[in-house]
C-alpha atoms as a PDB file:
ATOM      1  CA  MET A   1     -13.607  90.285  40.414  1.00  0.00           C
ATOM      2  CA  PRO A   2     -16.693  88.383  39.213  1.00  0.00           C
ATOM      3  CA  VAL A   3     -15.477  84.877  38.455  1.00  0.00           C
ATOM      4  CA  ASP A   4     -15.977  84.152  34.759  1.00  0.00           C
ATOM      5  CA  ARG A   5     -12.868  86.895  34.591  1.00  0.00           C
ATOM      6  CA  ILE A   6     -10.621  84.555  36.294  1.00  0.00           C
ATOM      7  CA  PHE A   7      -9.092  81.826  33.978  1.00  0.00           C
ATOM      8  CA  THR A   8      -5.101  80.048  33.836  1.00  0.00           C
ATOM      9  CA  GLY A   9      -2.959  81.022  31.186  1.00  0.00           C
ATOM     10  CA  TYR A  10      -0.912  78.622  29.401  1.00  0.00           C
ATOM     11  CA  ASP A  11       1.569  80.480  29.360  1.00  0.00           C
ATOM     12  CA  VAL A  12       2.991  80.500  32.715  1.00  0.00           C
ATOM     13  CA  VAL A  13       6.051  81.110  33.850  1.00  0.00           C
ATOM     14  CA  ASP A  14       7.326  78.924  37.567  1.00  0.00           C
ATOM     15  CA  ASN A  15       9.990  82.248  38.309  1.00  0.00           C
ATOM     16  CA  ASN A  16      10.666  80.638  41.650  1.00  0.00           C
ATOM     17  CA  TYR A  17      11.709  77.967  40.182  1.00  0.00           C
ATOM     18  CA  PHE A  18      14.230  80.252  37.296  1.00  0.00           C
ATOM     19  CA  CYS A  19      15.558  82.747  40.743  1.00  0.00           C
ATOM     20  CA  GLU A  20      16.048  79.364  42.405  1.00  0.00           C
ATOM     21  CA  ARG A  21      18.470  77.746  39.904  1.00  0.00           C
ATOM     22  CA  ALA A  22      19.840  80.563  38.342  1.00  0.00           C
ATOM     23  CA  SER A  23      21.304  81.147  42.190  1.00  0.00           C
ATOM     24  CA  GLN A  24      22.559  77.975  42.343  1.00  0.00           C
ATOM     25  CA  ILE A  25      24.638  78.206  39.558  1.00  0.00           C
ATOM     26  CA  ARG A  26      26.185  81.131  39.785  1.00  0.00           C
ATOM     27  CA  ASN A  27      26.830  80.163  43.235  1.00  0.00           C
ATOM     28  CA  SER A  28      28.580  77.252  41.651  1.00  0.00           C
ATOM     29  CA  ARG A  29      32.222  76.513  42.942  1.00  0.00           C
ATOM     30  CA  LEU A  30      34.478  73.624  41.821  1.00  0.00           C
ATOM     31  CA  ARG A  31      34.695  71.179  44.681  1.00  0.00           C
ATOM     32  CA  PRO A  32      35.848  67.643  43.972  1.00  0.00           C
ATOM     33  CA  GLY A  33      33.577  64.846  44.625  1.00  0.00           C
ATOM     34  CA  TYR A  34      30.483  67.050  44.796  1.00  0.00           C
ATOM     35  CA  GLY A  35      30.499  67.084  40.963  1.00  0.00           C
ATOM     36  CA  GLY A  36      29.790  71.029  40.897  1.00  0.00           C
ATOM     37  CA  GLN A  37      31.384  73.210  38.011  1.00  0.00           C
ATOM     38  CA  ALA A  38      32.279  76.955  38.635  1.00  0.00           C
ATOM     39  CA  ALA A  39      30.457  79.261  36.908  1.00  0.00           C
ATOM     40  CA  SER A  40      32.892  80.270  34.283  1.00  0.00           C
ATOM     41  CA  GLU A  41      33.512  76.518  33.250  1.00  0.00           C
ATOM     42  CA  ILE A  42      29.765  76.259  32.877  1.00  0.00           C
ATOM     43  CA  ARG A  43      30.644  79.634  31.034  1.00  0.00           C
ATOM     44  CA  ASN A  44      33.081  77.744  28.925  1.00  0.00           C
ATOM     45  CA  LEU A  45      30.819  74.502  28.154  1.00  0.00           C
ATOM     46  CA  TYR A  46      27.501  76.503  26.713  1.00  0.00           C
ATOM     47  CA  GLY A  47      29.603  79.237  24.644  1.00  0.00           C
ATOM     48  CA  LEU A  48      28.657  82.216  26.769  1.00  0.00           C
ATOM     49  CA  PRO A  49      30.468  85.210  26.478  1.00  0.00           C
ATOM     50  CA  GLU A  50      31.789  86.904  30.027  1.00  0.00           C
ATOM     51  CA  ASN A  51      29.227  89.660  30.091  1.00  0.00           C
ATOM     52  CA  TYR A  52      25.835  89.540  27.799  1.00  0.00           C
ATOM     53  CA  PHE A  53      22.604  90.886  27.635  1.00  0.00           C
ATOM     54  CA  LEU A  54      20.221  87.819  27.708  1.00  0.00           C
ATOM     55  CA  ALA A  55      16.635  87.957  25.040  1.00  0.00           C
ATOM     56  CA  SER A  56      14.746  84.845  25.536  1.00  0.00           C
ATOM     57  CA  ALA A  57      11.572  84.595  22.231  1.00  0.00           C
ATOM     58  CA  ARG A  58      10.105  83.412  19.679  1.00  0.00           C
ATOM     59  CA  PHE A  59      11.537  84.462  16.267  1.00  0.00           C
ATOM     60  CA  ILE A  60       8.115  86.186  15.388  1.00  0.00           C
ATOM     61  CA  GLU A  61       7.277  90.012  14.100  1.00  0.00           C
ATOM     62  CA  LYS A  62       5.406  90.733  17.803  1.00  0.00           C
ATOM     63  CA  LYS A  63       8.446  90.658  19.231  1.00  0.00           C
ATOM     64  CA  ASN A  64      10.106  93.621  17.479  1.00  0.00           C
ATOM     65  CA  LEU A  65      13.064  91.736  17.268  1.00  0.00           C
ATOM     66  CA  PRO A  66      14.524  93.409  14.973  1.00  0.00           C
ATOM     67  CA  ARG A  67      14.048  96.987  16.632  1.00  0.00           C
ATOM     68  CA  LEU A  68      15.965  95.461  19.403  1.00  0.00           C
ATOM     69  CA  ILE A  69      19.004  94.067  17.408  1.00  0.00           C
ATOM     70  CA  ARG A  70      19.017  98.201  16.131  1.00  0.00           C
ATOM     71  CA  ALA A  71      19.085  99.521  19.037  1.00  0.00           C
ATOM     72  CA  TYR A  72      22.230  97.142  20.088  1.00  0.00           C
ATOM     73  CA  ALA A  73      23.552  98.294  16.784  1.00  0.00           C
ATOM     74  CA  GLU A  74      23.251 101.733  18.389  1.00  0.00           C
ATOM     75  CA  TYR A  75      24.569 100.893  21.822  1.00  0.00           C
ATOM     76  CA  ARG A  76      27.934  99.583  20.319  1.00  0.00           C
ATOM     77  CA  GLU A  77      28.017 102.163  18.459  1.00  0.00           C
ATOM     78  CA  LYS A  78      28.894 104.849  21.416  1.00  0.00           C
ATOM     79  CA  PRO A  79      31.476 103.211  23.429  1.00  0.00           C
ATOM     80  CA  GLU A  80      31.347 106.275  25.422  1.00  0.00           C
ATOM     81  CA  LEU A  81      28.011 104.873  27.065  1.00  0.00           C
ATOM     82  CA  THR A  82      29.217 101.460  28.501  1.00  0.00           C
ATOM     83  CA  GLY A  83      32.212 102.465  30.149  1.00  0.00           C
ATOM     84  CA  SER A  84      34.056  99.257  28.882  1.00  0.00           C
ATOM     85  CA  ALA A  85      34.515  96.819  25.924  1.00  0.00           C
ATOM     86  CA  PRO A  86      30.281  96.654  25.277  1.00  0.00           C
ATOM     87  CA  TRP A  87      28.638  93.208  26.172  1.00  0.00           C
ATOM     88  CA  ASP A  88      27.112  90.972  23.137  1.00  0.00           C
ATOM     89  CA  LEU A  89      23.489  89.732  22.889  1.00  0.00           C
ATOM     90  CA  VAL A  90      22.550  86.690  23.438  1.00  0.00           C
ATOM     91  CA  LEU A  91      19.288  85.703  21.871  1.00  0.00           C
ATOM     92  CA  LEU A  92      17.355  82.384  23.008  1.00  0.00           C
ATOM     93  CA  GLY A  93      14.736  81.336  20.224  1.00  0.00           C
ATOM     94  CA  ASP A  94      14.177  80.781  16.875  1.00  0.00           C
ATOM     95  CA  GLY A  95      10.941  80.790  14.852  1.00  0.00           C
ATOM     96  CA  PRO A  96       9.913  81.978  11.411  1.00  0.00           C
ATOM     97  CA  LEU A  97      11.702  85.003  11.499  1.00  0.00           C
ATOM     98  CA  ARG A  98      15.115  83.545  11.604  1.00  0.00           C
ATOM     99  CA  GLU A  99      16.885  84.238   8.537  1.00  0.00           C
ATOM    100  CA  THR A 100      15.705  87.925   8.616  1.00  0.00           C
ATOM    101  CA  LEU A 101      17.325  88.569  11.965  1.00  0.00           C
ATOM    102  CA  ASN A 102      20.190  86.359  10.569  1.00  0.00           C
ATOM    103  CA  SER A 103      20.524  88.945   7.425  1.00  0.00           C
ATOM    104  CA  GLN A 104      19.719  92.349   9.841  1.00  0.00           C
ATOM    105  CA  LEU A 105      23.036  91.191  11.578  1.00  0.00           C
ATOM    106  CA  SER A 106      25.172  91.471   8.528  1.00  0.00           C
ATOM    107  CA  THR A 107      23.775  93.919   7.526  1.00  0.00           C
ATOM    108  CA  LEU A 108      24.966  95.314  10.799  1.00  0.00           C
ATOM    109  CA  ASN A 109      28.159  93.377  10.956  1.00  0.00           C
ATOM    110  CA  LEU A 110      26.727  91.740  14.652  1.00  0.00           C
ATOM    111  CA  HIS A 111      27.311  88.252  13.785  1.00  0.00           C
ATOM    112  CA  ALA A 112      30.597  88.374  16.033  1.00  0.00           C
ATOM    113  CA  ASN A 113      28.563  89.976  18.823  1.00  0.00           C
ATOM    114  CA  VAL A 114      25.571  88.662  18.390  1.00  0.00           C
ATOM    115  CA  HIS A 115      24.765  84.776  19.474  1.00  0.00           C
ATOM    116  CA  LEU A 116      21.908  82.830  18.647  1.00  0.00           C
ATOM    117  CA  PRO A 117      22.302  79.252  19.988  1.00  0.00           C
ATOM    118  CA  GLY A 118      18.878  77.914  18.934  1.00  0.00           C
ATOM    119  CA  PHE A 119      15.424  76.712  21.276  1.00  0.00           C
ATOM    120  CA  LYS A 120      16.382  75.941  25.156  1.00  0.00           C
ATOM    121  CA  ARG A 121      14.464  73.432  26.476  1.00  0.00           C
ATOM    122  CA  TYR A 122      13.181  74.785  30.100  1.00  0.00           C
ATOM    123  CA  ASP A 123      15.867  73.193  32.568  1.00  0.00           C
ATOM    124  CA  GLU A 124      18.492  75.012  29.855  1.00  0.00           C
ATOM    125  CA  LEU A 125      16.906  78.298  30.832  1.00  0.00           C
ATOM    126  CA  PRO A 126      18.225  78.778  34.381  1.00  0.00           C
ATOM    127  CA  VAL A 127      22.116  78.604  33.033  1.00  0.00           C
ATOM    128  CA  TYR A 128      21.901  82.110  30.006  1.00  0.00           C
ATOM    129  CA  TYR A 129      19.674  83.887  32.791  1.00  0.00           C
ATOM    130  CA  ALA A 130      22.264  82.739  35.821  1.00  0.00           C
ATOM    131  CA  LEU A 131      25.349  84.384  33.980  1.00  0.00           C
ATOM    132  CA  ALA A 132      23.729  86.810  32.448  1.00  0.00           C
ATOM    133  CA  ARG A 133      24.700  90.689  32.969  1.00  0.00           C
ATOM    134  CA  ARG A 134      21.153  91.749  31.642  1.00  0.00           C
ATOM    135  CA  ARG A 135      18.064  91.401  30.532  1.00  0.00           C
ATOM    136  CA  PRO A 136      15.590  93.702  28.644  1.00  0.00           C
ATOM    137  CA  ARG A 137      12.375  94.546  29.079  1.00  0.00           C
ATOM    138  CA  GLN A 138       9.966  92.694  26.523  1.00  0.00           C
ATOM    139  CA  HIS A 139       6.691  94.150  26.216  1.00  0.00           C
ATOM    140  CA  ASN A 140       4.221  92.712  24.664  1.00  0.00           C
END
């Protein structure tokens, strides 16, 4: 590849960091004297449901989050697809579409099932990734 076609991106993600930290959190146990917290305790501390899908994005049109919410609403309407109680959706982030998304959640009566904890710092993200059951694939 020609050198002039290679560049450094600005939205680079350290996947190893997230993988290692998420694994540590998932495998944590209560250990007196070691300061460890069980994953269930961490889940309670962050107010996370037992089972949830996770999406993390800027709340902008390009991310098409209203479509994700519509798809989630359809999923909840078809309990035969889940095999058990439907999972919640945790949507991390913030941006200009926050009010639009809140309105959509009201219209679809999903406020009890879709959690919007807001923007989270880089060092907080592994908790959400570790305890999520699935992350919807997102294409830019």
